[in-house]
């Protein structure tokens, strides 16, 4: 791929704007030599204004999403893209969230510009467990563990029961839920079905990837080892 198109796809500007960057001598190699638009150079050896390029296409990152942010490119208000470098919103292929967390849910959100990888992650065949921490408005009544695990719980307005889900009671109003599905507002609707209400909801893990000590509002790119870890379902 031509360097001009490559930089444009990474969000550095339109092709016309990127071409101007070359004419201004702002694009160099790692040794500081000025590059020309038709030079054959590897991604890792290109610098813009002396800085390495953003991650190459095939980016997978994890974000610790705060509450109040929407998983959208167009909604009004605070968007998850506001937490990333501005160029990331302009990448082509587009950098998309892998599934969604609603505005009032915090925690682990994956994003990628690799459509094949995105579909692999969200595919029901992947069976990737997702772990949520829920703070509840009312005390648990005691039968939720068995009911959630039964595979018979039906959500309002749906005709297919939920797949079995794990529930660990941390205390009377704090539960840890493990899902392998991703239905709309599923955790909140599950607790609504048993007469409770979720005050706060936080996703802490997907597959073998956990947030760890990543601060709220921060992100990091995941490498190949992380990606392999993501698809492990045997990690507790």
Protein backbone atom coordinates (compact mmCIF):
# COMPACT_ATOMS: atom_id res chain seq x y z
CA UNK A 1 0.00 0.00 0.00
CA UNK A 2 1.25 3.51 -0.83
CA UNK A 3 2.41 5.46 2.22
CA UNK A 4 -0.01 8.32 1.51
CA UNK A 5 -3.01 5.99 1.54
CA UNK A 6 -1.65 4.17 4.59
CA UNK A 7 -1.37 7.38 6.62
CA UNK A 8 -4.79 8.56 5.45
CA UNK A 9 -6.31 5.24 6.55
CA UNK A 10 -4.73 5.72 9.97
CA UNK A 11 -6.54 9.04 10.33
CA UNK A 12 -3.63 11.45 9.78
CA UNK A 13 -5.73 13.39 7.27
CA UNK A 14 -7.17 13.18 3.80
CA UNK A 15 -4.85 11.99 1.05
CA UNK A 16 -4.40 15.61 0.01
CA UNK A 17 -3.49 16.60 3.57
CA UNK A 18 -1.08 13.69 3.93
CA UNK A 19 0.56 14.54 0.60
CA UNK A 20 1.16 18.05 1.98
CA UNK A 21 2.83 16.51 5.06
CA UNK A 22 5.31 14.82 2.74
CA UNK A 23 6.02 18.08 0.91
CA UNK A 24 6.63 19.78 4.26
CA UNK A 25 9.16 17.08 5.21
CA UNK A 26 7.14 15.94 8.23
CA UNK A 27 7.26 12.26 7.28
CA UNK A 28 10.61 10.57 7.93
CA UNK A 29 12.09 7.19 8.67
CA UNK A 30 13.33 6.14 12.11
CA UNK A 31 16.74 7.74 11.42
CA UNK A 32 15.19 11.08 10.54
CA UNK A 33 15.62 10.85 6.77
CA UNK A 34 12.80 12.56 4.88
CA UNK A 35 10.55 10.10 3.06
CA UNK A 36 8.80 10.49 -0.25
CA UNK A 37 5.32 9.30 -1.06
CA UNK A 38 6.53 6.42 -3.23
CA UNK A 39 9.24 5.14 -0.89
CA UNK A 40 8.77 1.47 0.14
CA UNK A 41 8.91 1.66 3.92
CA UNK A 42 7.55 -0.62 6.65
CA UNK A 43 4.96 0.75 9.06
CA UNK A 44 7.29 0.48 12.06
CA UNK A 45 9.99 2.54 10.34
CA UNK A 46 7.78 5.57 9.58
CA UNK A 47 7.69 8.69 11.73
CA UNK A 48 5.36 11.69 11.55
CA UNK A 49 6.78 14.80 13.21
CA UNK A 50 9.37 12.49 14.76
CA UNK A 51 6.77 10.24 16.40
CA UNK A 52 6.08 6.56 15.57
CA UNK A 53 2.85 5.85 13.75
CA UNK A 54 -0.30 4.83 15.55
CA UNK A 55 -0.97 1.10 15.68
CA UNK A 56 -1.16 -0.63 12.30
CA UNK A 57 -4.45 -1.99 10.91
CA UNK A 58 -5.53 -5.05 12.85
CA UNK A 59 -5.62 -3.05 16.08
CA UNK A 60 -7.31 -4.63 19.10
CA UNK A 61 -7.52 -2.57 22.26
CA UNK A 62 -9.24 -2.73 25.59
CA UNK A 63 -10.80 0.30 27.23
CA UNK A 64 -11.94 0.70 30.81
CA UNK A 65 -15.15 2.51 29.93
CA UNK A 66 -16.50 4.91 32.56
CA UNK A 67 -20.21 5.39 33.06
CA UNK A 68 -21.70 8.27 31.08
CA UNK A 69 -20.06 7.33 27.77
CA UNK A 70 -21.95 5.90 24.79
CA UNK A 71 -20.64 3.19 22.43
CA UNK A 72 -21.41 5.17 19.29
CA UNK A 73 -19.83 7.44 16.70
CA UNK A 74 -22.88 9.65 16.24
CA UNK A 75 -24.88 10.03 19.47
CA UNK A 76 -25.02 13.36 21.24
CA UNK A 77 -22.98 13.60 24.42
CA UNK A 78 -19.85 11.84 25.58
CA UNK A 79 -18.68 9.02 23.33
CA UNK A 80 -16.11 6.27 23.89
CA UNK A 81 -14.06 7.77 21.04
CA UNK A 82 -13.51 10.87 23.18
CA UNK A 83 -11.29 8.67 25.38
CA UNK A 84 -9.00 7.70 22.47
CA UNK A 85 -6.54 9.70 20.36
CA UNK A 86 -8.59 11.89 17.97
CA UNK A 87 -7.20 10.12 14.87
CA UNK A 88 -8.65 6.80 16.00
CA UNK A 89 -12.14 8.03 15.14
CA UNK A 90 -10.99 8.60 11.53
CA UNK A 91 -9.35 5.23 10.88
CA UNK A 92 -10.34 3.12 7.89
CA UNK A 93 -11.40 0.39 8.38
CA UNK A 94 -13.40 1.91 11.21
CA UNK A 95 -12.44 1.17 14.81
CA UNK A 96 -15.58 -0.42 16.27
CA UNK A 97 -16.60 -1.56 19.72
CA UNK A 98 -16.92 -5.33 20.10
CA UNK A 99 -20.50 -5.39 21.30
CA UNK A 100 -21.63 -2.59 23.56
CA UNK A 101 -21.83 -1.47 27.14
CA UNK A 102 -24.77 0.81 27.80
CA UNK A 103 -24.24 4.37 28.97
CA UNK A 104 -24.67 3.45 32.64
CA UNK A 105 -22.38 0.39 32.57
CA UNK A 106 -18.64 0.65 33.13
CA UNK A 107 -15.73 -1.67 32.57
CA UNK A 108 -14.00 -3.76 29.95
CA UNK A 109 -14.80 -2.85 26.34
CA UNK A 110 -12.86 -4.26 23.40
CA UNK A 111 -12.44 -2.31 20.17
CA UNK A 112 -10.97 -3.39 16.84
CA UNK A 113 -10.69 -2.39 13.19
CA UNK A 114 -10.50 -6.07 12.14
CA UNK A 115 -14.00 -7.11 11.08
CA UNK A 116 -13.15 -10.80 11.00
CA UNK A 117 -11.77 -10.69 14.53
CA UNK A 118 -14.80 -8.74 15.76
CA UNK A 119 -17.20 -11.38 14.45
CA UNK A 120 -15.05 -14.16 15.86
CA UNK A 121 -15.23 -12.61 19.33
CA UNK A 122 -18.98 -12.02 19.34
CA UNK A 123 -19.90 -15.29 17.64
CA UNK A 124 -21.98 -17.58 19.87
CA UNK A 125 -19.59 -20.35 18.84
CA UNK A 126 -16.78 -18.61 20.71
CA UNK A 127 -18.58 -19.14 24.04
CA UNK A 128 -16.52 -16.37 25.60
CA UNK A 129 -17.58 -15.83 29.21
CA UNK A 130 -18.22 -12.25 30.28
CA UNK A 131 -18.08 -11.41 33.97
CA UNK A 132 -20.02 -8.52 35.51
CA UNK A 133 -20.14 -7.05 39.01
CA UNK A 134 -23.61 -5.84 39.97
CA UNK A 135 -24.62 -3.72 42.94
CA UNK A 136 -28.33 -4.23 43.61
CA UNK A 137 -31.09 -2.07 45.03
CA UNK A 138 -32.51 -4.89 47.19
CA UNK A 139 -31.20 -7.93 49.01
CA UNK A 140 -30.97 -11.12 47.00
CA UNK A 141 -33.86 -13.39 47.87
CA UNK A 142 -31.86 -16.65 47.78
CA UNK A 143 -33.07 -18.58 44.72
CA UNK A 144 -31.27 -16.56 42.06
CA UNK A 145 -28.23 -18.85 41.77
CA UNK A 146 -30.34 -21.87 40.87
CA UNK A 147 -32.71 -19.90 38.65
CA UNK A 148 -29.95 -18.23 36.62
CA UNK A 149 -28.17 -21.58 36.18
CA UNK A 150 -31.32 -23.43 35.15
CA UNK A 151 -31.51 -22.33 31.53
CA UNK A 152 -35.23 -21.66 31.98
CA UNK A 153 -35.28 -17.95 32.87
CA UNK A 154 -37.33 -16.01 30.35
CA UNK A 155 -36.92 -12.27 29.85
CA UNK A 156 -39.87 -9.99 29.25
CA UNK A 157 -40.94 -9.78 25.58
CA UNK A 158 -38.70 -12.71 24.57
CA UNK A 159 -39.69 -16.23 23.54
CA UNK A 160 -36.42 -18.10 24.09
CA UNK A 161 -35.10 -18.79 27.60
CA UNK A 162 -31.64 -17.63 28.55
CA UNK A 163 -28.65 -19.94 28.43
CA UNK A 164 -27.46 -20.99 31.90
CA UNK A 165 -25.58 -18.20 33.65
CA UNK A 166 -23.32 -18.27 36.68
CA UNK A 167 -24.11 -16.21 39.76
CA UNK A 168 -21.79 -15.74 42.71
CA UNK A 169 -23.22 -13.96 45.73
CA UNK A 170 -20.57 -11.64 47.14
CA UNK A 171 -22.91 -10.19 49.76
CA UNK A 172 -26.62 -9.46 50.10
CA UNK A 173 -26.58 -6.72 47.45
CA UNK A 174 -23.46 -7.52 45.44
CA UNK A 175 -23.42 -10.30 42.84
CA UNK A 176 -20.92 -11.51 40.24
CA UNK A 177 -22.55 -12.80 37.04
CA UNK A 178 -20.96 -14.86 34.27
CA UNK A 179 -22.70 -14.87 30.89
CA UNK A 180 -21.95 -16.53 27.59
CA UNK A 181 -24.73 -14.62 25.81
CA UNK A 182 -25.02 -10.94 25.04
CA UNK A 183 -28.69 -10.05 24.88
CA UNK A 184 -29.85 -6.46 25.13
CA UNK A 185 -29.36 -5.15 28.70
CA UNK A 186 -29.24 -8.79 29.77
CA UNK A 187 -27.93 -8.49 33.33
CA UNK A 188 -30.30 -5.67 34.21
CA UNK A 189 -33.26 -7.55 32.73
CA UNK A 190 -32.30 -10.76 34.54
CA UNK A 191 -32.46 -9.06 37.91
CA UNK A 192 -35.63 -7.22 36.92
CA UNK A 193 -37.16 -10.65 36.22
CA UNK A 194 -36.59 -11.60 39.86
CA UNK A 195 -37.91 -8.32 41.24
CA UNK A 196 -34.62 -6.53 41.78
CA UNK A 197 -32.89 -3.53 40.24
CA UNK A 198 -29.24 -3.05 39.27
CA UNK A 199 -27.87 0.19 40.67
CA UNK A 200 -24.36 -0.14 39.19
CA UNK A 201 -22.94 -2.60 36.68
CA UNK A 202 -19.30 -3.17 35.78
CA UNK A 203 -17.77 -5.68 33.35
CA UNK A 204 -14.45 -6.98 34.64
CA UNK A 205 -13.53 -9.77 32.22
CA UNK A 206 -14.08 -11.16 28.73
CA UNK A 207 -12.70 -14.62 28.05
CA UNK A 208 -9.19 -14.68 29.49
CA UNK A 209 -8.75 -10.89 29.42
CA UNK A 210 -9.32 -8.96 32.64
CA UNK A 211 -9.15 -5.22 33.28
CA UNK A 212 -6.63 -5.66 36.03
CA UNK A 213 -5.34 -2.29 37.24
CA UNK A 214 -6.19 -0.34 34.06
CA UNK A 215 -7.63 2.96 35.35
CA UNK A 216 -11.11 4.12 34.42
CA UNK A 217 -11.07 6.01 31.13
CA UNK A 218 -7.73 4.54 30.05
CA UNK A 219 -6.96 2.04 27.27
CA UNK A 220 -4.15 -0.13 26.01
CA UNK A 221 -3.46 -1.99 22.79
CA UNK A 222 -3.54 -5.79 23.02
CA UNK A 223 -0.79 -7.84 21.41
CA UNK A 224 -0.91 -11.31 19.85
CA UNK A 225 -0.37 -13.00 23.23
CA UNK A 226 -3.30 -11.04 24.68
CA UNK A 227 -5.47 -12.10 21.74
CA UNK A 228 -4.65 -15.75 22.34
CA UNK A 229 -5.45 -15.25 26.03
CA UNK A 230 -8.78 -13.65 25.13
CA UNK A 231 -10.04 -16.87 23.52
CA UNK A 232 -9.14 -19.02 26.50
CA UNK A 233 -12.29 -19.95 28.41
CA UNK A 234 -10.62 -22.03 31.13
CA UNK A 235 -9.23 -19.14 33.18
CA UNK A 236 -10.90 -18.26 36.43
